[in-house]
Amino acid sequence: MPWRDPPNQSAEYRSRAEKARNQAEQTTDEEARKRLLQDADAWERMAEYEDKHNPPRPVPGIS
């Protein structure tokens, strides 16, 4: 049964994008760098989509 109110995952996606960019900075293989940067861009697009279609909701009791 799917969730009726799934949590927003944009922070996780942005974290994965940052990790991919950090790995890209550290690699000397140009093809690997290119793929990692493409992955990072994809994670960022997923985060933007998530924020647009499943905006973060406030947690009750936390201001």
Protein backbone atom coordinates (compact mmCIF):
# COMPACT_ATOMS: atom_id res chain seq x y z
CA MET A 1 0.00 0.00 0.00
CA PRO A 2 1.55 3.34 -1.02
CA TRP A 3 2.03 6.09 1.49
CA ARG A 4 -0.68 8.68 1.52
CA ASP A 5 1.68 11.39 2.72
CA PRO A 6 5.28 10.42 1.87
CA PRO A 7 8.12 12.40 3.44
CA ASN A 8 10.02 14.90 1.33
CA GLN A 9 13.35 13.41 0.21
CA SER A 10 14.96 16.53 -1.27
CA ALA A 11 17.60 16.84 1.48
CA GLU A 12 18.72 13.26 0.85
CA TYR A 13 18.89 13.88 -2.91
CA ARG A 14 20.94 17.06 -2.43
CA SER A 15 23.28 15.20 -0.10
CA ARG A 16 23.84 12.57 -2.79
CA ALA A 17 24.49 15.32 -5.35
CA GLU A 18 27.10 16.88 -3.07
CA LYS A 19 28.81 13.52 -2.56
CA ALA A 20 28.94 12.94 -6.31
CA ARG A 21 30.48 16.39 -6.85
CA ASN A 22 33.07 15.74 -4.13
CA GLN A 23 34.01 12.45 -5.76
CA ALA A 24 34.24 14.18 -9.13
CA GLU A 25 36.71 16.69 -7.70
CA GLN A 26 38.92 13.90 -6.40
CA THR A 27 39.06 11.68 -9.47
CA THR A 28 41.69 11.95 -12.17
CA ASP A 29 39.67 9.91 -14.67
CA GLU A 30 37.94 12.42 -16.96
CA GLU A 31 35.18 9.99 -17.99
CA ALA A 32 34.42 9.14 -14.36
CA ARG A 33 34.36 12.86 -13.49
CA LYS A 34 31.88 13.49 -16.30
CA ARG A 35 29.59 10.67 -15.15
CA LEU A 36 29.74 11.79 -11.52
CA LEU A 37 28.82 15.36 -12.48
CA GLN A 38 25.93 14.04 -14.59
CA ASP A 39 24.79 12.00 -11.59
CA ALA A 40 25.00 15.09 -9.38
CA ASP A 41 22.85 17.04 -11.83
CA ALA A 42 20.29 14.24 -11.88
CA TRP A 43 20.12 14.19 -8.07
CA GLU A 44 19.60 17.98 -8.07
CA ARG A 45 16.76 17.68 -10.59
CA MET A 46 15.16 15.00 -8.43
CA ALA A 47 15.40 17.29 -5.40
CA GLU A 48 13.76 20.14 -7.31
CA TYR A 49 10.99 17.84 -8.53
CA GLU A 50 10.46 16.57 -4.98
CA ASP A 51 10.18 20.11 -3.60
CA LYS A 52 7.72 21.07 -6.33
CA HIS A 53 5.48 18.00 -6.17
CA ASN A 54 5.89 16.97 -2.53
CA PRO A 55 6.77 20.12 -0.59
CA PRO A 56 8.25 19.74 2.87
CA ARG A 57 5.66 19.90 5.62
CA PRO A 58 6.27 21.26 9.09
CA VAL A 59 6.72 18.68 11.81
CA PRO A 60 4.06 19.10 14.51
CA GLY A 61 5.51 20.50 17.72
CA ILE A 62 8.69 21.84 16.09
CA SER A 63 8.85 25.54 15.24
